[in-house]
Protein backbone atom coordinates (compact mmCIF):
# COMPACT_ATOMS: atom_id res chain seq x y z
CA MET A 1 -20.93 33.56 9.79
CA LEU A 2 -21.61 35.84 6.83
CA ASN A 3 -17.92 35.85 5.85
CA LYS A 4 -17.79 32.06 5.95
CA LYS A 5 -20.85 31.82 3.71
CA LEU A 6 -19.35 34.38 1.33
CA ILE A 7 -16.13 32.37 1.14
CA GLY A 8 -18.13 29.24 0.50
CA LEU A 9 -20.21 30.84 -2.24
CA SER A 10 -17.14 32.43 -3.89
CA SER A 11 -15.30 29.08 -3.83
CA ILE A 12 -18.10 27.08 -5.36
CA LEU A 13 -18.74 29.81 -7.95
CA PHE A 14 -15.07 29.67 -9.06
CA VAL A 15 -15.20 25.88 -9.13
CA MET A 16 -18.29 25.81 -11.33
CA ILE A 17 -16.85 28.36 -13.77
CA VAL A 18 -13.73 26.24 -14.17
CA TRP A 19 -15.67 22.99 -14.37
CA GLY A 20 -18.02 24.57 -16.88
CA SER A 21 -15.03 25.25 -19.11
CA SER A 22 -13.74 21.70 -18.80
CA TYR A 23 -16.04 20.20 -21.42
CA PRO A 24 -15.08 22.65 -24.22
CA VAL A 25 -11.38 22.27 -23.31
CA THR A 26 -11.69 18.48 -23.31
CA LYS A 27 -13.52 18.61 -26.64
CA MET A 28 -10.59 20.48 -28.15
CA ILE A 29 -8.10 17.69 -27.34
CA ILE A 30 -10.20 14.52 -27.29
CA ASN A 31 -8.99 13.60 -30.78
CA ASP A 32 -5.38 13.46 -29.53
CA ILE A 33 -5.99 11.37 -26.43
CA GLN A 34 -8.44 8.55 -25.74
CA PRO A 35 -11.03 9.24 -23.00
CA LEU A 36 -9.74 6.98 -20.21
CA THR A 37 -6.11 7.93 -20.90
CA LEU A 38 -7.09 11.58 -20.70
CA ALA A 39 -8.92 10.91 -17.44
CA PHE A 40 -5.82 9.21 -15.96
CA CYS A 41 -3.48 12.03 -17.05
CA ARG A 42 -5.85 14.72 -15.82
CA CYS A 43 -6.47 13.14 -12.45
CA SER A 44 -2.80 12.30 -11.92
CA VAL A 45 -1.86 15.95 -12.45
CA GLY A 46 -4.62 16.91 -10.06
CA ALA A 47 -3.35 14.48 -7.43
CA ILE A 48 0.20 15.77 -7.71
CA THR A 49 -1.04 19.37 -7.43
CA LEU A 50 -3.05 18.58 -4.29
CA LEU A 51 -0.15 16.73 -2.69
CA LEU A 52 2.23 19.66 -3.35
CA ILE A 53 -0.25 22.10 -1.82
CA PHE A 54 -0.60 19.84 1.21
CA LEU A 55 3.17 19.48 1.68
CA ILE A 56 3.67 23.24 1.42
CA ASN A 57 0.95 24.01 3.99
CA LYS A 58 1.52 21.20 6.51
CA ASP A 59 2.54 22.36 9.99
CA LYS A 60 3.45 19.01 11.54
CA PRO A 61 4.99 15.68 10.46
CA ILE A 62 2.94 13.75 7.89
CA ARG A 63 2.61 10.72 10.18
CA GLU A 64 0.66 12.83 12.65
CA TYR A 65 -1.85 13.76 9.95
CA LEU A 66 -2.35 10.09 9.12
CA ILE A 67 -3.35 9.13 12.68
CA GLY A 68 -6.96 8.02 12.64
CA VAL A 69 -7.41 8.77 8.92
CA PRO A 70 -10.69 7.18 7.65
CA TRP A 71 -9.25 5.01 4.90
CA PHE A 72 -12.61 3.46 4.03
CA SER A 73 -14.09 6.92 3.38
CA ILE A 74 -11.00 8.01 1.40
CA ILE A 75 -11.08 4.92 -0.83
CA PHE A 76 -14.81 5.35 -1.31
CA MET A 77 -14.32 8.97 -2.38
CA GLY A 78 -11.50 8.02 -4.74
CA LEU A 79 -13.57 5.33 -6.42
CA THR A 80 -16.79 7.35 -6.70
CA GLY A 81 -15.55 10.91 -7.35
CA VAL A 82 -12.54 10.07 -9.54
CA THR A 83 -12.39 6.53 -10.93
CA CYS A 84 -16.05 5.75 -11.48
CA PHE A 85 -17.16 9.26 -12.36
CA TYR A 86 -14.55 9.89 -15.08
CA THR A 87 -14.73 6.32 -16.40
CA LEU A 88 -18.51 6.29 -16.76
CA PHE A 89 -18.73 9.88 -18.00
CA ASN A 90 -16.10 9.47 -20.70
CA ILE A 91 -17.42 6.13 -21.95
CA SER A 92 -21.01 7.33 -22.00
CA ALA A 93 -19.97 10.54 -23.83
CA GLN A 94 -18.92 8.31 -26.74
CA MET A 95 -22.26 6.51 -26.79
CA THR A 96 -24.90 9.19 -26.28
CA SER A 97 -25.85 12.57 -27.68
CA ALA A 98 -24.33 15.92 -26.73
CA SER A 99 -27.62 17.10 -25.17
CA VAL A 100 -27.38 14.36 -22.54
CA GLY A 101 -23.89 15.61 -21.66
CA SER A 102 -25.52 18.86 -20.54
CA LEU A 103 -28.49 17.18 -18.90
CA ILE A 104 -26.24 15.09 -16.64
CA GLN A 105 -25.29 18.24 -14.77
CA GLY A 106 -28.96 18.97 -14.20
CA PHE A 107 -29.44 15.71 -12.35
CA ILE A 108 -26.37 16.19 -10.09
CA PRO A 109 -28.03 18.68 -7.68
CA ILE A 110 -31.18 16.58 -7.55
CA CYS A 111 -29.19 13.52 -6.51
CA ILE A 112 -27.15 15.49 -4.01
CA THR A 113 -30.29 17.04 -2.51
CA LEU A 114 -31.91 13.61 -2.12
CA PHE A 115 -28.76 12.05 -0.68
CA ALA A 116 -28.31 15.02 1.72
CA ALA A 117 -31.89 14.63 2.95
CA MET A 118 -31.45 10.86 3.35
CA PHE A 119 -27.97 10.67 4.87
CA LEU A 120 -27.17 14.12 6.28
CA LYS A 121 -30.70 14.97 7.45
CA GLU A 122 -30.53 18.37 5.71
CA LYS A 123 -33.89 20.10 5.49
CA LEU A 124 -34.98 22.15 2.50
CA SER A 125 -37.32 25.09 2.55
CA ALA A 126 -40.09 25.46 -0.03
CA VAL A 127 -38.14 28.32 -1.64
CA GLN A 128 -35.01 26.19 -1.96
CA ILE A 129 -37.00 23.35 -3.52
CA ILE A 130 -38.42 25.83 -6.08
CA GLY A 131 -34.83 26.96 -6.79
CA VAL A 132 -33.69 23.40 -7.45
CA ILE A 133 -36.64 22.79 -9.76
CA ALA A 134 -36.08 26.08 -11.60
CA SER A 135 -32.41 25.25 -12.15
CA LEU A 136 -33.28 21.77 -13.40
CA LEU A 137 -35.77 23.19 -15.89
CA GLY A 138 -33.09 25.63 -17.06
CA VAL A 139 -30.59 22.86 -17.61
CA MET A 140 -33.19 20.87 -19.53
CA LEU A 141 -33.81 23.83 -21.84
CA ILE A 142 -30.09 24.25 -22.46
CA GLY A 143 -29.36 20.54 -22.74
CA PHE A 144 -32.12 19.55 -25.13
CA LEU A 145 -31.64 22.52 -27.42
CA SER A 146 -27.83 22.68 -27.48
CA SER A 147 -27.29 19.31 -29.12
CA ASP A 148 -25.44 19.20 -32.43
CA ASN A 149 -27.75 18.03 -35.19
CA ASN A 150 -24.70 17.06 -37.23
CA SER A 151 -23.22 14.95 -34.51
CA ASP A 152 -22.59 11.29 -35.29
CA THR A 153 -23.11 10.24 -31.69
CA ARG A 154 -26.24 8.32 -30.78
CA ASN A 155 -28.62 8.63 -27.86
CA SER A 156 -28.28 5.04 -26.66
CA ILE A 157 -30.02 3.57 -23.63
CA THR A 158 -26.67 2.17 -22.44
CA GLY A 159 -24.99 5.56 -22.72
CA ASN A 160 -27.80 7.31 -20.86
CA LEU A 161 -27.69 4.68 -18.11
CA LEU A 162 -23.96 5.16 -17.69
CA MET A 163 -24.53 8.93 -17.43
CA ILE A 164 -27.10 8.44 -14.69
CA ILE A 165 -24.76 6.14 -12.77
CA ALA A 166 -22.01 8.75 -13.11
CA VAL A 167 -24.31 11.36 -11.56
CA ILE A 168 -25.12 9.05 -8.67
CA SER A 169 -21.41 8.36 -8.23
CA TRP A 170 -20.61 12.08 -7.95
CA ALA A 171 -23.48 12.64 -5.51
CA ALA A 172 -22.15 9.82 -3.35
CA TYR A 173 -18.68 11.42 -3.45
CA THR A 174 -20.13 14.78 -2.39
CA ILE A 175 -22.01 13.36 0.60
CA MET A 176 -19.03 11.32 1.82
CA SER A 177 -16.73 14.32 1.28
CA LYS A 178 -18.97 16.57 3.37
CA LYS A 179 -19.12 14.06 6.21
CA THR A 180 -15.36 13.35 6.17
CA ALA A 181 -14.14 16.92 5.68
CA ALA A 182 -16.08 18.03 8.72
CA GLN A 183 -13.92 15.79 10.94
CA PHE A 184 -10.52 15.67 9.19
CA ASN A 185 -8.16 17.89 7.24
CA PRO A 186 -10.01 18.42 3.92
CA LEU A 187 -6.81 18.99 1.93
CA LEU A 188 -5.32 15.69 3.12
CA ILE A 189 -8.55 13.78 2.52
CA THR A 190 -9.01 15.24 -0.97
CA SER A 191 -5.37 14.60 -1.87
CA LEU A 192 -5.41 10.99 -0.76
CA SER A 193 -8.77 10.23 -2.42
CA THR A 194 -7.65 11.81 -5.72
CA CYS A 195 -4.39 9.77 -5.64
CA ILE A 196 -6.30 6.54 -5.04
CA GLY A 197 -8.80 7.36 -7.77
CA SER A 198 -6.00 8.17 -10.22
CA LEU A 199 -4.17 4.93 -9.46
CA CYS A 200 -7.34 2.99 -10.13
CA LEU A 201 -7.64 4.69 -13.53
CA LEU A 202 -4.17 3.48 -14.57
CA PRO A 203 -5.28 -0.13 -15.47
CA ALA A 204 -8.12 1.30 -17.56
CA ALA A 205 -5.75 3.59 -19.45
CA ILE A 206 -3.28 0.73 -20.05
CA PHE A 207 -6.09 -1.51 -21.33
CA GLU A 208 -7.36 1.27 -23.60
CA ASN A 209 -3.92 1.54 -25.27
CA ARG A 210 -3.13 -2.18 -25.33
CA HIS A 211 -3.04 -2.34 -29.13
CA SER A 212 -1.82 1.10 -30.20
CA GLY A 213 0.64 1.80 -27.36
CA TRP A 214 0.82 4.95 -25.25
CA PRO A 215 -0.14 7.98 -27.37
CA VAL A 216 2.18 10.85 -28.32
CA ILE A 217 0.70 13.89 -26.62
CA HIS A 218 1.29 17.27 -28.30
CA LEU A 219 2.20 20.48 -26.48
CA ASN A 220 -1.25 22.03 -26.76
CA SER A 221 -2.80 18.89 -25.30
CA TRP A 222 -0.34 18.91 -22.42
CA LEU A 223 -1.26 22.53 -21.66
CA ALA A 224 -4.93 21.54 -21.67
CA ILE A 225 -4.15 18.56 -19.39
CA LEU A 226 -2.31 20.85 -16.97
CA TYR A 227 -5.34 23.13 -16.86
CA LEU A 228 -7.78 20.27 -16.45
CA GLY A 229 -5.57 18.53 -13.93
CA ALA A 230 -3.95 21.25 -11.82
CA VAL A 231 -6.85 23.72 -11.81
CA SER A 232 -10.01 21.69 -12.51
CA SER A 233 -9.17 18.37 -10.80
CA GLY A 234 -6.67 19.76 -8.31
CA ILE A 235 -7.42 23.20 -6.91
CA CYS A 236 -11.13 22.95 -7.67
CA TYR A 237 -11.49 19.63 -5.83
CA LEU A 238 -9.96 21.34 -2.80
CA LEU A 239 -12.26 24.37 -3.08
CA TYR A 240 -15.24 22.06 -3.63
CA SER A 241 -14.37 20.23 -0.40
CA LYS A 242 -13.96 23.58 1.39
CA SER A 243 -17.35 24.83 0.17
CA LEU A 244 -18.96 21.67 1.53
CA GLN A 245 -17.74 22.72 4.97
CA LEU A 246 -19.31 26.17 4.71
CA LEU A 247 -22.54 25.48 2.78
CA THR A 248 -25.18 22.78 2.78
CA ALA A 249 -24.72 19.89 0.39
CA ALA A 250 -27.93 20.93 -1.41
CA GLN A 251 -26.66 24.48 -1.99
CA VAL A 252 -23.34 23.19 -3.30
CA GLY A 253 -25.14 20.69 -5.49
CA ASN A 254 -27.39 23.29 -7.02
CA PHE A 255 -24.37 25.31 -8.21
CA ALA A 256 -23.59 22.37 -10.51
CA ASN A 257 -26.25 23.82 -12.77
CA LEU A 258 -23.81 26.59 -13.71
CA ASP A 259 -21.71 24.06 -15.62
CA PRO A 260 -23.83 23.97 -18.81
CA VAL A 261 -24.29 27.76 -18.72
CA VAL A 262 -20.55 28.38 -18.60
CA GLY A 263 -19.93 25.66 -21.16
CA LEU A 264 -22.49 27.20 -23.49
CA ILE A 265 -20.91 30.68 -23.21
CA ILE A 266 -17.42 29.30 -23.91
CA SER A 267 -18.76 27.31 -26.85
CA LEU A 268 -20.31 30.48 -28.30
CA VAL A 269 -17.05 32.43 -27.99
CA PHE A 270 -14.45 29.80 -28.90
CA LEU A 271 -16.31 27.08 -30.81
CA ASN A 272 -18.55 29.38 -32.86
CA GLU A 273 -21.76 27.68 -31.77
CA HIS A 274 -25.12 29.48 -31.80
CA ILE A 275 -27.74 30.21 -29.15
CA ASN A 276 -31.50 30.75 -29.32
CA ILE A 277 -34.06 32.46 -27.11
CA LEU A 278 -35.01 29.25 -25.22
CA GLN A 279 -31.38 28.59 -24.31
CA ILE A 280 -31.13 32.15 -22.96
CA ALA A 281 -34.27 31.49 -20.92
CA GLY A 282 -32.64 28.31 -19.59
CA ALA A 283 -29.58 30.21 -18.45
CA VAL A 284 -31.81 32.75 -16.64
CA LEU A 285 -33.65 29.90 -14.88
CA VAL A 286 -30.36 28.35 -13.78
CA LEU A 287 -29.05 31.58 -12.28
CA GLY A 288 -32.41 32.34 -10.64
CA GLY A 289 -32.54 28.86 -9.18
CA ILE A 290 -29.09 29.27 -7.63
CA MET A 291 -30.22 32.49 -5.96
CA LEU A 292 -33.32 30.82 -4.57
CA SER A 293 -31.34 27.81 -3.33
CA THR A 294 -29.30 30.08 -1.00
CA TRP A 295 -32.27 32.17 0.10
CA LYS A 296 -32.80 30.33 3.37
CA SER A 297 -29.32 31.17 4.62
CA ARG A 298 -29.78 34.87 3.81
CA LEU A 299 -33.03 34.97 5.76
CA THR A 300 -31.66 33.19 8.81
CA GLY A 301 -28.21 34.81 8.74
């Protein structure tokens, strides 16, 4: 039991470190590729990666894996966790301030916790609730104080609303993924849902380039897409699904608070951004909240 929990914690920690780096990496190439086109390329690479991993590891004919597959759940996951999430997130990122981009990750665990309590009947201890609140406060400190005063983006009501819907979309994906992965092969389910979500992004990418034509993507951008797709949207989606089998949805959700911390560190090192004492305090609150969120499992074994 302890080994399974350790595997789950190690998996979700790796996922959040990679996902935390995704925003700075995306920021480096967003001028070369439009948001929805980047989302399609990234998710398509992720889908191909997952399918290759599945084909390498399968131990029986594919048709046997497809027997009884819950297509409704798979389509739902593809639409919520891939198509809707990346569409809403990328569009809203153009309309709202950078601070909200960090704050979105603070609302993810709250939504997952509420959905888990409502649909999975997961119970939270008082200590875990304190951990969630502490992490949220930490993300708020980082998010509000890490915005770029020179940014030309605006904090629009529409952009903020799209961000909130994106958070709800990811929480819905997480809950459905946890329910489905418990009964079926998680690699197959994640592969199929990512493929469906990527295919649904194709019309959006075509529409986005209807006037200018498909963009010429430079080598550095392709390397970034491979990282974002193969590692972040491919391997990490698989590990995320695996961690949902070994941990509660609330514990997994609270690790999402690591995203802005990792993103902040990478921004300091590679983007020459600055940090103040309140942002450091926010990072401490995030890490402390994650420790508290897993406290119940340590006490009960």
